[in-house]
């Protein structure tokens, strides 16, 4: 004991004065409070009657304003002030990137699971015991969804897109048809690459003015005014650069360094200019020899090269953005080549037609081709176009998943009520503490239909009583409608089974991560910066 008394005072402090630390139940309670805050903001956006959120913040001297139902935008801003919510924000971004739908459901479910876990911790449960029960409930939920999921009776794309639009009238009948066609045009060998569906935004007009271009749009004009405005059956070369190499020498182990010309007479100037002209002509001849009548260059070309290309009847564009450059190459079946001296006939891409057009005030070039798909989105304001873009990206991902796994379950919270009912029965098969954890998981699932009921102006207690009675009598498709309990299949409100499985599994992973945190070290008074 005397030894300990001598050692402890001499032990240096691990944390400085501007550092803080919380641990144990306090950490769990803090994570619960932060998740509840996020869910409180997100829960009211669920369903067609869900509310919009107005998010404002300063970005330097500029005031940025967002009016949105996108949960990622909301939790992303909350995460700036509350770092624990950043975990939820990053998970929501991953969900949007890979699944496209169910983000609000995910966040509300995470909050509900943490709240139920907090109740169990208060009565003496260890977090690992709770997570063991949650894992069993997650696995059982996936099995139940597989049993309930069925093929859609009617047009699957139309029903899914209406649910994604969620009553906002962003996806009209015309745009829904375009989305289905766009995703069908990028199927190759049974695989769908959503990134091949190009999205071009242009404020102005109405959302119904949005259109599908059956090809690729390149937001650049022609490289020379005398080039034609259209080319039939173009043979297209894609070059990273087309330029006369600068005069340089290479030194061993030192790389290239520039050299200087020492010109002493007019004849030498003429010789130098003649050689430059010969090299430019040689580059153009190599493009011409390959059989190309269209050249798309990633880097900037000299004006004299553009002029010579025009004289040879070659349509050219230069300084093309990387994403548009790669998208056009894939759509036309071309191979991107580094220099003109490497260009072969086999590297050329083909398309039925190339046309120069204008989306005021910008000049664009459209490559019409069978494997190209571009959605031109219009809207009365930049904010509306941005919201439409997010909805379209969600729709494309959901349509992609529907092609690979078209099994659907009833929407409107019906599947969650059914899962809760069957999980409570499943919990009774356990004799240990897992029974409590699985029952708590079932209670958390019912928070989603409660939020839907509240947002529709219905009494959540009465609705949950009615929904439980319907499901107990075998009506698995009964969910929350605008006027009360409705058969979701009859109302054409469906969701992909794969999306629900992904939601529940990711919710378990997030809760598992947050409940296993028992220490939090932080720096006090960190300056908060909004993203740029």
Protein backbone atom coordinates (compact mmCIF):
# COMPACT_ATOMS: atom_id res chain seq x y z
CA UNK A 1 0.00 0.00 0.00
CA UNK A 2 2.75 2.54 0.77
CA UNK A 3 4.37 1.62 -2.58
CA UNK A 4 1.12 2.34 -4.38
CA UNK A 5 0.76 5.67 -2.61
CA UNK A 6 4.24 6.65 -3.78
CA UNK A 7 3.71 5.53 -7.40
CA UNK A 8 0.23 6.87 -8.15
CA UNK A 9 0.89 10.60 -7.48
CA UNK A 10 3.91 10.41 -9.74
CA UNK A 11 1.94 8.83 -12.63
CA UNK A 12 1.62 11.40 -15.46
CA UNK A 13 -1.85 12.40 -16.54
CA UNK A 14 -2.93 10.73 -19.79
CA UNK A 15 -5.49 13.42 -20.61
CA UNK A 16 -4.60 17.09 -20.85
CA UNK A 17 -6.82 19.87 -19.59
CA UNK A 18 -8.53 20.41 -22.95
CA UNK A 19 -9.35 16.69 -23.27
CA UNK A 20 -12.39 14.89 -21.89
CA UNK A 21 -13.47 11.31 -21.31
CA UNK A 22 -16.73 9.51 -20.62
CA UNK A 23 -17.16 5.76 -20.15
CA UNK A 24 -19.54 2.94 -19.30
CA UNK A 25 -23.27 3.58 -19.22
CA UNK A 26 -22.72 7.26 -19.81
CA UNK A 27 -21.33 6.48 -23.28
CA UNK A 28 -24.28 4.23 -24.10
CA UNK A 29 -26.70 6.87 -22.86
CA UNK A 30 -24.99 9.55 -24.96
CA UNK A 31 -25.16 7.40 -28.10
CA UNK A 32 -28.82 6.72 -27.34
CA UNK A 33 -29.57 10.43 -26.98
CA UNK A 34 -27.81 11.27 -30.24
CA UNK A 35 -29.56 8.47 -32.15
CA UNK A 36 -32.90 9.55 -30.67
CA UNK A 37 -32.22 13.10 -31.82
CA UNK A 38 -31.55 11.90 -35.36
CA UNK A 39 -34.65 9.68 -35.35
CA UNK A 40 -36.80 12.52 -34.02
CA UNK A 41 -35.76 14.60 -37.03
CA UNK A 42 -36.08 11.75 -39.55
CA UNK A 43 -39.19 9.92 -38.27
CA UNK A 44 -41.52 12.72 -39.31
CA UNK A 45 -40.36 12.43 -42.96
CA UNK A 46 -41.58 8.83 -43.37
CA UNK A 47 -44.38 8.12 -45.82
CA UNK A 48 -46.19 10.18 -48.47
CA UNK A 49 -47.49 12.55 -45.78
CA UNK A 50 -44.08 13.00 -44.18
CA UNK A 51 -42.77 16.50 -43.54
CA UNK A 52 -39.94 18.30 -45.31
CA UNK A 53 -36.95 19.70 -43.43
CA UNK A 54 -35.41 23.14 -43.83
CA UNK A 55 -31.66 22.98 -43.25
CA UNK A 56 -29.67 26.23 -43.24
CA UNK A 57 -26.04 26.93 -42.43
CA UNK A 58 -23.26 29.33 -43.28
CA UNK A 59 -20.55 28.32 -45.72
CA UNK A 60 -18.19 31.22 -45.31
CA UNK A 61 -20.15 34.38 -46.11
CA UNK A 62 -22.75 32.38 -48.04
CA UNK A 63 -26.00 31.18 -46.47
CA UNK A 64 -26.86 27.71 -47.77
CA UNK A 65 -30.47 26.53 -47.58
CA UNK A 66 -31.88 23.07 -48.26
CA UNK A 67 -35.54 22.04 -48.30
CA UNK A 68 -35.51 18.27 -48.43
CA UNK A 69 -36.87 14.95 -47.24
CA UNK A 70 -33.51 13.30 -47.80
CA UNK A 71 -32.43 11.87 -44.42
CA UNK A 72 -28.78 11.87 -45.45
CA UNK A 73 -28.77 15.66 -45.72
CA UNK A 74 -30.34 16.02 -42.28
CA UNK A 75 -28.08 13.62 -40.35
CA UNK A 76 -25.04 14.91 -42.23
CA UNK A 77 -25.65 18.37 -40.83
CA UNK A 78 -26.47 17.04 -37.35
CA UNK A 79 -23.22 15.09 -37.40
CA UNK A 80 -21.24 18.32 -37.61
CA UNK A 81 -22.49 19.38 -34.20
CA UNK A 82 -22.80 15.86 -32.73
CA UNK A 83 -19.90 13.62 -33.81
CA UNK A 84 -21.62 10.41 -32.61
CA UNK A 85 -24.30 10.95 -35.27
CA UNK A 86 -21.56 10.89 -37.90
CA UNK A 87 -21.60 7.08 -37.63
CA UNK A 88 -25.27 7.11 -38.60
CA UNK A 89 -24.58 9.60 -41.40
CA UNK A 90 -21.84 7.45 -42.92
CA UNK A 91 -24.04 4.34 -42.70
CA UNK A 92 -26.89 6.25 -44.37
CA UNK A 93 -24.55 7.25 -47.21
CA UNK A 94 -23.48 3.64 -47.72
CA UNK A 95 -27.13 2.58 -47.73
CA UNK A 96 -27.97 5.21 -50.35
CA UNK A 97 -24.95 4.30 -52.47
CA UNK A 98 -25.54 0.54 -52.55
CA UNK A 99 -29.25 0.02 -51.84
CA UNK A 100 -30.81 3.39 -52.70
CA UNK A 101 -33.90 3.12 -50.50
CA UNK A 102 -34.97 2.60 -46.89
CA UNK A 103 -32.61 5.15 -45.32
CA UNK A 104 -35.22 6.79 -43.09
CA UNK A 105 -36.42 3.37 -41.97
CA UNK A 106 -32.85 2.39 -41.14
CA UNK A 107 -32.21 5.43 -38.95
CA UNK A 108 -35.49 5.17 -37.05
CA UNK A 109 -34.92 1.45 -36.50
CA UNK A 110 -31.41 2.04 -35.13
CA UNK A 111 -32.78 4.57 -32.67
CA UNK A 112 -35.56 2.21 -31.56
CA UNK A 113 -33.13 -0.68 -31.07
CA UNK A 114 -30.84 1.50 -28.96
CA UNK A 115 -33.79 2.69 -26.85
CA UNK A 116 -34.87 -0.90 -26.22
CA UNK A 117 -31.29 -1.87 -25.39
CA UNK A 118 -31.09 0.98 -22.87
CA UNK A 119 -34.15 -0.40 -21.06
CA UNK A 120 -32.50 -3.81 -20.83
CA UNK A 121 -29.20 -2.36 -19.61
CA UNK A 122 -31.05 -0.54 -16.83
CA UNK A 123 -32.41 -3.83 -15.47
CA UNK A 124 -29.02 -5.55 -15.55
CA UNK A 125 -28.47 -6.93 -19.07
CA UNK A 126 -24.94 -6.87 -20.48
CA UNK A 127 -24.65 -5.35 -24.01
CA UNK A 128 -23.17 -8.59 -25.39
CA UNK A 129 -26.21 -10.55 -24.19
CA UNK A 130 -28.49 -8.02 -25.86
CA UNK A 131 -26.54 -8.22 -29.13
CA UNK A 132 -26.70 -12.03 -29.11
CA UNK A 133 -30.49 -11.79 -28.96
CA UNK A 134 -30.54 -9.06 -31.62
CA UNK A 135 -28.42 -11.25 -33.93
CA UNK A 136 -30.82 -14.18 -33.59
CA UNK A 137 -33.73 -11.82 -34.30
CA UNK A 138 -31.94 -10.43 -37.37
CA UNK A 139 -31.32 -13.89 -38.81
CA UNK A 140 -34.89 -14.96 -38.11
CA UNK A 141 -36.23 -11.76 -39.73
CA UNK A 142 -34.29 -12.49 -42.92
CA UNK A 143 -35.75 -16.00 -43.02
CA UNK A 144 -39.30 -14.70 -42.49
CA UNK A 145 -38.89 -12.10 -45.27
CA UNK A 146 -37.72 -14.85 -47.64
CA UNK A 147 -40.89 -16.84 -46.83
CA UNK A 148 -43.26 -13.89 -47.24
CA UNK A 149 -41.66 -12.34 -50.35
CA UNK A 150 -43.50 -13.02 -53.60
CA UNK A 151 -43.52 -11.88 -57.22
CA UNK A 152 -45.43 -8.71 -58.05
CA UNK A 153 -48.80 -9.31 -59.67
CA UNK A 154 -48.62 -6.20 -61.89
CA UNK A 155 -45.97 -3.98 -63.46
CA UNK A 156 -43.17 -4.09 -60.89
CA UNK A 157 -41.23 -1.04 -62.12
CA UNK A 158 -44.31 1.19 -62.08
CA UNK A 159 -45.26 0.19 -58.52
CA UNK A 160 -41.74 0.55 -57.14
CA UNK A 161 -41.24 3.98 -58.71
CA UNK A 162 -44.53 5.28 -57.29
CA UNK A 163 -43.44 4.21 -53.81
CA UNK A 164 -40.01 5.84 -54.29
CA UNK A 165 -41.66 9.09 -55.39
CA UNK A 166 -43.59 8.96 -52.10
CA UNK A 167 -46.31 11.37 -53.18
CA UNK A 168 -43.96 14.22 -54.17
CA UNK A 169 -44.95 14.19 -57.89
CA UNK A 170 -41.29 14.30 -58.91
CA UNK A 171 -41.47 11.10 -60.95
CA UNK A 172 -44.29 11.60 -63.42
CA UNK A 173 -45.57 8.86 -65.78
CA UNK A 174 -43.21 9.98 -68.57
CA UNK A 175 -40.12 9.99 -66.35
CA UNK A 176 -41.05 6.62 -64.84
CA UNK A 177 -41.14 5.12 -68.34
CA UNK A 178 -37.79 6.71 -69.12
CA UNK A 179 -36.23 5.28 -65.95
CA UNK A 180 -37.36 1.76 -66.82
CA UNK A 181 -35.97 2.10 -70.34
CA UNK A 182 -32.73 3.66 -69.12
CA UNK A 183 -31.95 0.78 -66.78
CA UNK A 184 -32.79 -1.73 -69.54
CA UNK A 185 -30.31 -0.11 -71.93
CA UNK A 186 -27.32 -0.65 -69.63
CA UNK A 187 -27.77 -4.40 -69.15
CA UNK A 188 -24.73 -6.28 -70.42
CA UNK A 189 -24.17 -10.03 -69.92
CA UNK A 190 -26.90 -10.05 -67.29
CA UNK A 191 -25.18 -7.35 -65.22
CA UNK A 192 -26.39 -3.77 -64.71
CA UNK A 193 -23.94 -0.91 -64.31
CA UNK A 194 -25.97 2.01 -62.96
CA UNK A 195 -22.97 4.31 -63.42
CA UNK A 196 -23.45 4.01 -67.18
CA UNK A 197 -26.74 5.90 -66.90
CA UNK A 198 -25.56 9.47 -67.32
CA UNK A 199 -27.46 12.24 -65.52
CA UNK A 200 -27.39 15.79 -66.85
CA UNK A 201 -29.09 18.57 -64.85
CA UNK A 202 -30.50 21.74 -66.33
CA UNK A 203 -32.61 24.17 -64.24
CA UNK A 204 -35.54 25.62 -66.13
CA UNK A 205 -38.89 24.24 -67.26
CA UNK A 206 -40.89 21.63 -65.38
CA UNK A 207 -39.96 18.19 -64.08
CA UNK A 208 -42.22 16.72 -66.79
CA UNK A 209 -39.86 18.25 -69.36
CA UNK A 210 -37.16 15.80 -68.26
CA UNK A 211 -36.24 13.47 -71.08
CA UNK A 212 -34.24 10.36 -71.97
CA UNK A 213 -31.47 10.72 -74.53
CA UNK A 214 -30.67 7.36 -76.07
CA UNK A 215 -26.98 7.98 -76.12
CA UNK A 216 -24.29 9.98 -74.36
CA UNK A 217 -24.17 13.74 -73.83
CA UNK A 218 -20.78 15.45 -73.82
CA UNK A 219 -20.95 18.99 -72.48
CA UNK A 220 -18.42 20.39 -74.93
CA UNK A 221 -18.76 22.01 -78.33
CA UNK A 222 -16.83 21.21 -81.49
CA UNK A 223 -13.16 22.11 -81.45
CA UNK A 224 -13.30 24.25 -84.62
CA UNK A 225 -16.13 26.39 -86.07
CA UNK A 226 -15.82 24.87 -89.56
CA UNK A 227 -16.50 21.34 -88.33
CA UNK A 228 -19.96 19.94 -89.21
CA UNK A 229 -22.92 19.93 -86.81
CA UNK A 230 -23.65 16.24 -87.36
CA UNK A 231 -21.86 13.11 -88.49
CA UNK A 232 -23.62 9.96 -89.73
CA UNK A 233 -22.14 6.59 -88.77
CA UNK A 234 -19.18 8.12 -86.93
CA UNK A 235 -16.03 6.09 -86.29
CA UNK A 236 -14.69 7.53 -83.08
CA UNK A 237 -11.15 7.62 -81.72
CA UNK A 238 -10.58 8.31 -78.03
CA UNK A 239 -7.16 9.80 -77.28
CA UNK A 240 -5.78 10.91 -73.93
CA UNK A 241 -3.72 13.59 -75.66
CA UNK A 242 -2.82 14.79 -79.14
CA UNK A 243 0.08 17.21 -79.08
CA UNK A 244 3.56 17.81 -80.39
CA UNK A 245 5.95 16.71 -77.67
CA UNK A 246 7.93 19.55 -76.17
CA UNK A 247 11.66 19.66 -76.73
CA UNK A 248 13.35 17.85 -73.88
CA UNK A 249 16.29 15.64 -72.99
CA UNK A 250 16.40 12.82 -70.50
CA UNK A 251 19.19 12.48 -68.01
CA UNK A 252 19.98 9.24 -66.20
CA UNK A 253 18.34 9.12 -62.76
CA UNK A 254 17.17 12.74 -63.10
CA UNK A 255 14.26 12.52 -65.53
CA UNK A 256 13.45 15.01 -68.30
CA UNK A 257 14.50 18.62 -68.34
CA UNK A 258 13.76 21.30 -70.91
CA UNK A 259 16.33 22.54 -73.40
CA UNK A 260 16.78 25.93 -75.02
CA UNK A 261 17.09 26.68 -78.72
CA UNK A 262 19.91 28.93 -79.85
CA UNK A 263 18.65 30.50 -83.10
CA UNK A 264 21.11 32.66 -84.98
CA UNK A 265 19.41 33.18 -88.39
CA UNK A 266 16.03 33.53 -90.08
CA UNK A 267 16.56 30.26 -91.91
CA UNK A 268 16.72 28.37 -88.63
CA UNK A 269 13.38 29.85 -87.57
CA UNK A 270 11.80 28.69 -90.80
CA UNK A 271 13.28 25.22 -90.39
CA UNK A 272 11.95 24.99 -86.84
CA UNK A 273 8.44 26.11 -87.86
CA UNK A 274 8.42 23.73 -90.81
CA UNK A 275 9.36 20.82 -88.55
CA UNK A 276 6.61 21.77 -86.11
CA UNK A 277 4.07 21.86 -88.97
CA UNK A 278 5.31 18.47 -90.21
CA UNK A 279 4.87 16.92 -86.75
CA UNK A 280 1.34 18.34 -86.45
CA UNK A 281 0.45 17.01 -89.89
CA UNK A 282 1.92 13.63 -88.94
CA UNK A 283 -0.31 13.44 -85.87
CA UNK A 284 -3.41 14.28 -87.90
CA UNK A 285 -2.40 11.76 -90.58
CA UNK A 286 -2.16 8.99 -87.99
CA UNK A 287 -5.72 9.75 -86.84
CA UNK A 288 -6.88 9.83 -90.47
CA UNK A 289 -5.06 6.56 -91.30
CA UNK A 290 -6.84 4.72 -88.49
CA UNK A 291 -10.15 5.37 -90.26
CA UNK A 292 -11.58 7.72 -87.62
CA UNK A 293 -13.79 10.60 -88.70
CA UNK A 294 -14.47 11.73 -85.10
CA UNK A 295 -11.82 12.43 -82.46
CA UNK A 296 -12.56 12.91 -78.77
CA UNK A 297 -9.52 14.05 -76.79
CA UNK A 298 -9.22 14.11 -73.02
CA UNK A 299 -6.69 16.99 -72.93
CA UNK A 300 -6.59 20.31 -74.74
CA UNK A 301 -5.39 20.38 -78.36
CA UNK A 302 -3.56 23.25 -80.04
CA UNK A 303 -5.62 25.49 -82.33
CA UNK A 304 -3.48 24.58 -85.34
CA UNK A 305 -4.09 20.88 -84.79
CA UNK A 306 -7.84 21.54 -84.57
CA UNK A 307 -7.65 23.50 -87.81
CA UNK A 308 -5.84 20.67 -89.61
CA UNK A 309 -8.31 18.11 -88.28
CA UNK A 310 -11.12 20.25 -89.68
CA UNK A 311 -9.39 20.43 -93.08
CA UNK A 312 -9.12 16.64 -93.12
CA UNK A 313 -12.86 16.29 -92.44
CA UNK A 314 -12.43 15.00 -88.90
CA UNK A 315 -14.88 16.18 -86.26
CA UNK A 316 -13.07 16.78 -82.97
CA UNK A 317 -13.72 17.67 -79.33
CA UNK A 318 -11.10 18.32 -76.70
CA UNK A 319 -10.73 18.97 -72.97
CA UNK A 320 -13.59 16.53 -72.28
CA UNK A 321 -14.42 15.74 -68.63
CA UNK A 322 -13.12 12.40 -67.41
CA UNK A 323 -16.54 10.89 -66.55
CA UNK A 324 -18.05 11.89 -69.90
CA UNK A 325 -14.92 10.69 -71.74
CA UNK A 326 -15.10 7.22 -70.15
CA UNK A 327 -18.89 6.98 -70.49
CA UNK A 328 -18.72 7.75 -74.22
CA UNK A 329 -15.94 5.21 -74.74
CA UNK A 330 -17.94 2.46 -73.01
CA UNK A 331 -21.14 3.30 -74.84
CA UNK A 332 -19.47 3.22 -78.28
CA UNK A 333 -17.30 0.18 -77.58
CA UNK A 334 -14.05 2.09 -78.12
CA UNK A 335 -10.67 1.61 -76.49
CA UNK A 336 -9.03 4.66 -74.91
CA UNK A 337 -5.54 5.18 -76.37
CA UNK A 338 -2.74 7.30 -74.94
CA UNK A 339 -1.13 8.73 -78.12
CA UNK A 340 -1.95 8.90 -81.80
CA UNK A 341 0.98 6.63 -82.75
CA UNK A 342 -0.69 3.80 -80.78
CA UNK A 343 -4.10 4.21 -82.44
CA UNK A 344 -5.36 1.22 -84.42
CA UNK A 345 -8.51 0.58 -86.40
CA UNK A 346 -9.67 -1.94 -83.76
CA UNK A 347 -9.63 0.81 -81.10
CA UNK A 348 -12.36 2.87 -82.77
CA UNK A 349 -15.89 3.07 -81.45
CA UNK A 350 -19.04 3.34 -83.54
CA UNK A 351 -22.41 5.02 -83.20
CA UNK A 352 -25.38 5.61 -85.53
CA UNK A 353 -25.16 9.39 -85.32
CA UNK A 354 -23.35 12.34 -83.74
CA UNK A 355 -25.11 15.68 -83.41
CA UNK A 356 -24.20 19.10 -82.04
CA UNK A 357 -27.02 20.59 -79.97
CA UNK A 358 -27.49 23.27 -77.35
CA UNK A 359 -28.87 23.29 -73.82
CA UNK A 360 -28.95 27.05 -73.47
CA UNK A 361 -26.52 28.63 -73.07
CA UNK A 362 -24.14 25.64 -73.36
CA UNK A 363 -23.24 23.79 -76.53
CA UNK A 364 -23.29 20.01 -76.26
CA UNK A 365 -22.56 17.00 -78.44
CA UNK A 366 -24.88 13.99 -78.42
CA UNK A 367 -23.60 10.55 -79.40
CA UNK A 368 -26.64 8.43 -80.24
CA UNK A 369 -25.80 4.78 -79.54
CA UNK A 370 -27.55 1.60 -78.43
CA UNK A 371 -25.54 1.16 -75.23
CA UNK A 372 -25.80 4.79 -74.11
CA UNK A 373 -28.43 6.17 -71.76
CA UNK A 374 -28.65 9.76 -70.50
CA UNK A 375 -31.36 11.32 -68.35
CA UNK A 376 -31.77 15.05 -68.89
CA UNK A 377 -33.38 16.39 -65.72
CA UNK A 378 -35.26 19.70 -65.71
CA UNK A 379 -36.85 21.71 -62.92
CA UNK A 380 -38.04 25.19 -62.05
CA UNK A 381 -35.20 25.80 -59.56
CA UNK A 382 -31.71 24.42 -58.83
CA UNK A 383 -32.96 23.01 -55.50
CA UNK A 384 -35.77 21.13 -57.21
CA UNK A 385 -33.41 19.71 -59.83
CA UNK A 386 -31.04 18.57 -57.08
CA UNK A 387 -33.90 16.84 -55.23
CA UNK A 388 -35.02 15.23 -58.48
CA UNK A 389 -31.49 13.95 -59.12
CA UNK A 390 -31.37 12.24 -55.71
CA UNK A 391 -34.74 10.62 -56.32
CA UNK A 392 -33.68 9.43 -59.79
CA UNK A 393 -30.48 7.88 -58.42
CA UNK A 394 -32.49 6.06 -55.74
CA UNK A 395 -34.91 4.85 -58.40
CA UNK A 396 -32.13 3.51 -60.63
CA UNK A 397 -30.59 1.53 -57.76
CA UNK A 398 -33.95 0.05 -56.74
CA UNK A 399 -34.71 -0.91 -60.35
CA UNK A 400 -31.29 -2.54 -60.56
CA UNK A 401 -32.00 -4.67 -57.48
CA UNK A 402 -35.46 -5.52 -58.77
CA UNK A 403 -33.90 -7.01 -61.92
CA UNK A 404 -31.65 -9.33 -59.91
CA UNK A 405 -34.16 -10.18 -57.15
CA UNK A 406 -37.76 -9.18 -58.00
CA UNK A 407 -39.35 -10.65 -54.85
CA UNK A 408 -41.49 -8.04 -53.03
CA UNK A 409 -43.16 -7.64 -49.66
CA UNK A 410 -46.07 -5.37 -48.63
CA UNK A 411 -45.12 -1.79 -47.81
CA UNK A 412 -46.67 0.69 -45.41
CA UNK A 413 -45.03 -0.99 -42.40
CA UNK A 414 -46.96 -4.24 -43.00
CA UNK A 415 -43.86 -6.42 -43.24
CA UNK A 416 -42.50 -4.97 -39.98
CA UNK A 417 -45.70 -5.67 -38.07
CA UNK A 418 -45.64 -9.24 -39.38
CA UNK A 419 -41.99 -9.63 -38.37
CA UNK A 420 -42.76 -8.34 -34.87
CA UNK A 421 -45.63 -10.82 -34.49
CA UNK A 422 -43.54 -13.82 -35.55
CA UNK A 423 -40.47 -12.72 -33.56
CA UNK A 424 -42.49 -12.62 -30.35
CA UNK A 425 -43.51 -16.22 -30.96
CA UNK A 426 -39.92 -17.10 -31.82
CA UNK A 427 -38.69 -15.50 -28.57
CA UNK A 428 -40.72 -17.99 -26.54
CA UNK A 429 -38.58 -20.84 -27.87
CA UNK A 430 -35.65 -19.55 -25.78
CA UNK A 431 -35.33 -20.11 -22.07
CA UNK A 432 -32.53 -17.63 -21.40
CA UNK A 433 -32.18 -13.86 -21.58
CA UNK A 434 -32.29 -13.96 -25.39
CA UNK A 435 -36.08 -14.09 -24.99
CA UNK A 436 -36.11 -10.51 -23.67
CA UNK A 437 -33.70 -9.25 -26.36
CA UNK A 438 -35.69 -10.79 -29.23
CA UNK A 439 -38.94 -9.37 -27.84
CA UNK A 440 -37.27 -5.95 -27.60
CA UNK A 441 -36.19 -6.28 -31.23
CA UNK A 442 -39.82 -6.93 -32.16
CA UNK A 443 -40.94 -3.83 -30.23
CA UNK A 444 -38.37 -1.73 -32.09
CA UNK A 445 -39.66 -2.88 -35.49
CA UNK A 446 -43.12 -1.53 -34.67
CA UNK A 447 -41.76 2.02 -34.27
CA UNK A 448 -41.80 2.37 -38.07
CA UNK A 449 -45.58 1.84 -38.53
CA UNK A 450 -46.13 4.07 -35.48
CA UNK A 451 -44.27 6.92 -37.23
CA UNK A 452 -46.23 6.29 -40.46
CA UNK A 453 -49.51 6.45 -38.52
CA UNK A 454 -48.53 9.67 -36.77
CA UNK A 455 -47.43 11.32 -40.03
CA UNK A 456 -50.75 10.41 -41.67
CA UNK A 457 -52.68 12.11 -38.86
CA UNK A 458 -53.85 8.81 -37.34
CA UNK A 459 -53.71 7.69 -33.72
CA UNK A 460 -50.64 5.39 -33.48
CA UNK A 461 -52.02 3.41 -30.50
CA UNK A 462 -55.32 2.61 -32.22
CA UNK A 463 -53.52 1.80 -35.47
CA UNK A 464 -51.10 -0.61 -33.80
CA UNK A 465 -53.97 -2.42 -32.07
CA UNK A 466 -55.80 -2.82 -35.39
CA UNK A 467 -52.65 -3.90 -37.26
CA UNK A 468 -51.79 -6.52 -34.65
CA UNK A 469 -55.33 -7.91 -34.81
CA UNK A 470 -55.24 -8.12 -38.61
CA UNK A 471 -51.87 -9.86 -38.65
CA UNK A 472 -52.85 -12.24 -35.86
CA UNK A 473 -55.76 -13.36 -38.07
CA UNK A 474 -53.40 -14.06 -41.01
CA UNK A 475 -53.72 -10.79 -43.00
CA UNK A 476 -50.00 -10.29 -43.60
CA UNK A 477 -50.41 -7.45 -46.13
CA UNK A 478 -52.26 -5.04 -43.84
CA UNK A 479 -50.30 -1.82 -43.38
CA UNK A 480 -50.72 1.90 -42.71
CA UNK A 481 -52.72 3.80 -45.32
CA UNK A 482 -53.80 7.41 -45.43
CA UNK A 483 -57.26 6.53 -44.05
CA UNK A 484 -56.30 3.65 -41.77
CA UNK A 485 -55.43 -0.03 -42.19
CA UNK A 486 -55.16 -1.01 -45.87
CA UNK A 487 -54.16 -4.16 -47.76
CA UNK A 488 -50.89 -3.01 -49.30
CA UNK A 489 -51.04 -5.42 -52.23
CA UNK A 490 -54.47 -4.08 -53.21
CA UNK A 491 -53.14 -0.51 -52.86
CA UNK A 492 -50.07 -1.38 -55.03
CA UNK A 493 -47.71 -0.32 -52.24
CA UNK A 494 -44.84 -2.78 -52.25
CA UNK A 495 -41.16 -2.88 -51.33
CA UNK A 496 -38.30 -5.12 -52.38
CA UNK A 497 -37.61 -7.91 -49.93
CA UNK A 498 -33.87 -7.42 -50.46
CA UNK A 499 -34.13 -3.79 -49.30
CA UNK A 500 -35.86 -4.80 -46.06
CA UNK A 501 -33.29 -7.50 -45.38
CA UNK A 502 -30.47 -5.02 -45.95
CA UNK A 503 -32.13 -2.47 -43.63
CA UNK A 504 -32.48 -4.89 -40.74
CA UNK A 505 -29.00 -6.31 -41.14
CA UNK A 506 -27.36 -2.88 -41.33
CA UNK A 507 -29.38 -1.66 -38.34
CA UNK A 508 -28.03 -4.58 -36.31
CA UNK A 509 -24.47 -3.79 -37.38
CA UNK A 510 -24.83 -0.14 -36.34
CA UNK A 511 -26.36 -0.98 -32.98
CA UNK A 512 -23.66 -3.58 -32.40
CA UNK A 513 -21.00 -0.95 -33.08
CA UNK A 514 -22.54 1.69 -30.82
CA UNK A 515 -23.29 -0.64 -27.90
CA UNK A 516 -19.73 -1.96 -27.87
CA UNK A 517 -18.33 1.54 -27.26
CA UNK A 518 -17.56 1.89 -23.54
CA UNK A 519 -15.05 4.75 -23.65
CA UNK A 520 -15.13 8.08 -25.43
CA UNK A 521 -12.15 10.44 -25.57
CA UNK A 522 -12.77 13.87 -27.02
CA UNK A 523 -11.24 17.31 -27.36
CA UNK A 524 -13.24 20.07 -25.71
CA UNK A 525 -14.44 23.07 -27.71
CA UNK A 526 -13.59 21.70 -31.15
CA UNK A 527 -14.39 24.31 -33.82
CA UNK A 528 -17.23 23.05 -36.02
CA UNK A 529 -16.92 23.36 -39.79
CA UNK A 530 -19.62 22.65 -42.30
CA UNK A 531 -18.67 20.62 -45.37
CA UNK A 532 -17.77 22.58 -48.45
